[in-house]
C-alpha atoms as a PDB file:
ATOM      1  CA  UNK A   1      -0.490   0.062  -0.122  1.00  0.00           C
ATOM      2  CA  UNK A   2       0.980   3.308  -0.991  1.00  0.00           C
ATOM      3  CA  UNK A   3       1.240   6.291   2.148  1.00  0.00           C
ATOM      4  CA  UNK A   4      -1.341   8.753  -0.385  1.00  0.00           C
ATOM      5  CA  UNK A   5      -3.908   5.410  -0.195  1.00  0.00           C
ATOM      6  CA  UNK A   6      -3.115   5.105   4.353  1.00  0.00           C
ATOM      7  CA  UNK A   7      -6.167   5.965   5.794  1.00  0.00           C
ATOM      8  CA  UNK A   8      -6.105   8.514   8.343  1.00  0.00           C
ATOM      9  CA  UNK A   9      -5.285   7.209  11.735  1.00  0.00           C
ATOM     10  CA  UNK A  10      -3.956   4.242  10.622  1.00  0.00           C
ATOM     11  CA  UNK A  11      -0.742   2.565  11.897  1.00  0.00           C
ATOM     12  CA  UNK A  12       1.657   1.448   9.381  1.00  0.00           C
ATOM     13  CA  UNK A  13       5.763   1.155   8.544  1.00  0.00           C
ATOM     14  CA  UNK A  14       7.652   2.056   5.620  1.00  0.00           C
ATOM     15  CA  UNK A  15       8.176  -0.833   3.809  1.00  0.00           C
ATOM     16  CA  UNK A  16      10.267   1.101   0.506  1.00  0.00           C
ATOM     17  CA  UNK A  17      10.785   4.157  -1.333  1.00  0.00           C
ATOM     18  CA  UNK A  18      10.633   4.231  -5.232  1.00  0.00           C
ATOM     19  CA  UNK A  19      10.593   6.657  -8.102  1.00  0.00           C
ATOM     20  CA  UNK A  20       6.202   6.168  -8.918  1.00  0.00           C
ATOM     21  CA  UNK A  21       6.679  10.072  -9.856  1.00  0.00           C
ATOM     22  CA  UNK A  22       7.593  11.799 -13.109  1.00  0.00           C
ATOM     23  CA  UNK A  23       7.688  14.470 -10.596  1.00  0.00           C
ATOM     24  CA  UNK A  24      10.428  13.331  -8.137  1.00  0.00           C
ATOM     25  CA  UNK A  25      13.626  11.755  -9.064  1.00  0.00           C
ATOM     26  CA  UNK A  26      16.373   9.870  -6.940  1.00  0.00           C
ATOM     27  CA  UNK A  27      17.454  13.385  -5.038  1.00  0.00           C
ATOM     28  CA  UNK A  28      13.758  13.578  -3.215  1.00  0.00           C
ATOM     29  CA  UNK A  29      14.025   9.895  -2.443  1.00  0.00           C
ATOM     30  CA  UNK A  30      17.279  10.337  -0.940  1.00  0.00           C
ATOM     31  CA  UNK A  31      15.404  13.675   0.650  1.00  0.00           C
ATOM     32  CA  UNK A  32      12.785  11.535   2.068  1.00  0.00           C
ATOM     33  CA  UNK A  33      15.312   8.972   3.640  1.00  0.00           C
ATOM     34  CA  UNK A  34      16.968  11.659   5.384  1.00  0.00           C
ATOM     35  CA  UNK A  35      13.763  13.129   6.608  1.00  0.00           C
ATOM     36  CA  UNK A  36      13.362   9.303   8.125  1.00  0.00           C
ATOM     37  CA  UNK A  37      11.409   7.584   5.850  1.00  0.00           C
ATOM     38  CA  UNK A  38      13.558   4.613   6.017  1.00  0.00           C
ATOM     39  CA  UNK A  39      12.491   0.783   5.935  1.00  0.00           C
ATOM     40  CA  UNK A  40      10.880  -0.578   9.308  1.00  0.00           C
ATOM     41  CA  UNK A  41       9.949   3.258  10.547  1.00  0.00           C
ATOM     42  CA  UNK A  42       6.795   3.934  12.211  1.00  0.00           C
ATOM     43  CA  UNK A  43       4.361   6.156  10.224  1.00  0.00           C
ATOM     44  CA  UNK A  44       0.615   7.662  10.577  1.00  0.00           C
ATOM     45  CA  UNK A  45      -1.233  10.179   8.379  1.00  0.00           C
ATOM     46  CA  UNK A  46      -2.760  12.342  10.716  1.00  0.00           C
ATOM     47  CA  UNK A  47      -4.737  14.753   8.896  1.00  0.00           C
ATOM     48  CA  UNK A  48      -5.253  15.890   4.799  1.00  0.00           C
ATOM     49  CA  UNK A  49      -5.754  18.669   3.299  1.00  0.00           C
ATOM     50  CA  UNK A  50      -8.892  20.250   2.396  1.00  0.00           C
ATOM     51  CA  UNK A  51     -10.934  18.210   0.527  1.00  0.00           C
ATOM     52  CA  UNK A  52      -9.023  14.892   1.794  1.00  0.00           C
ATOM     53  CA  UNK A  53      -6.076  15.828  -0.676  1.00  0.00           C
ATOM     54  CA  UNK A  54      -2.918  17.452  -0.140  1.00  0.00           C
ATOM     55  CA  UNK A  55      -0.660  18.436   1.983  1.00  0.00           C
ATOM     56  CA  UNK A  56      -0.483  15.662   3.893  1.00  0.00           C
ATOM     57  CA  UNK A  57       0.284  15.589   8.233  1.00  0.00           C
ATOM     58  CA  UNK A  58       2.444  12.644   8.113  1.00  0.00           C
ATOM     59  CA  UNK A  59       4.495  11.468  11.298  1.00  0.00           C
ATOM     60  CA  UNK A  60       7.481   9.658  11.017  1.00  0.00           C
ATOM     61  CA  UNK A  61       8.847   8.170  14.368  1.00  0.00           C
ATOM     62  CA  UNK A  62       7.976  11.074  16.570  1.00  0.00           C
ATOM     63  CA  UNK A  63       8.496  14.003  13.886  1.00  0.00           C
ATOM     64  CA  UNK A  64       5.523  15.444  11.871  1.00  0.00           C
ATOM     65  CA  UNK A  65       6.082  16.401   8.239  1.00  0.00           C
ATOM     66  CA  UNK A  66       3.822  17.897   5.605  1.00  0.00           C
ATOM     67  CA  UNK A  67       3.909  16.115   1.999  1.00  0.00           C
ATOM     68  CA  UNK A  68       2.603  15.909  -0.979  1.00  0.00           C
ATOM     69  CA  UNK A  69       0.674  13.401  -3.096  1.00  0.00           C
ATOM     70  CA  UNK A  70       3.850  13.115  -5.341  1.00  0.00           C
ATOM     71  CA  UNK A  71       5.864  12.532  -2.567  1.00  0.00           C
ATOM     72  CA  UNK A  72       3.524   9.919  -0.288  1.00  0.00           C
ATOM     73  CA  UNK A  73       3.513   7.893  -3.206  1.00  0.00           C
ATOM     74  CA  UNK A  74       6.610   6.886  -3.730  1.00  0.00           C
ATOM     75  CA  UNK A  75       6.774   5.749   0.613  1.00  0.00           C
ATOM     76  CA  UNK A  76       5.193   1.977   0.106  1.00  0.00           C
ATOM     77  CA  UNK A  77       4.045   0.911   3.599  1.00  0.00           C
ATOM     78  CA  UNK A  78       2.685  -2.078   5.607  1.00  0.00           C
ATOM     79  CA  UNK A  79      -0.399  -1.803   7.613  1.00  0.00           C
ATOM     80  CA  UNK A  80       0.668  -2.379  11.084  1.00  0.00           C
ATOM     81  CA  UNK A  81      -0.758  -5.950  12.837  1.00  0.00           C
ATOM     82  CA  UNK A  82      -1.139  -7.173   8.882  1.00  0.00           C
ATOM     83  CA  UNK A  83      -0.470 -10.822   8.494  1.00  0.00           C
ATOM     84  CA  UNK A  84       3.023 -11.157   7.168  1.00  0.00           C
END
């Protein structure tokens, strides 16, 4: 599941980063990793912008970030408690 699809309030963790948007390159993925979007890190969408769109207010670890949808689609997540 992509971070952009994660229901607001659901608990998950980062599975991987992958370029899925023509707007973002490897440097943008590196920036997301430097912000803490690393495999295994806990993540939660806490708020969505007007109309359920962007920006997304996202907790990763103990930090809160605002992400565009173009960034959120590059972050693959796994729901916590999901069957493995």
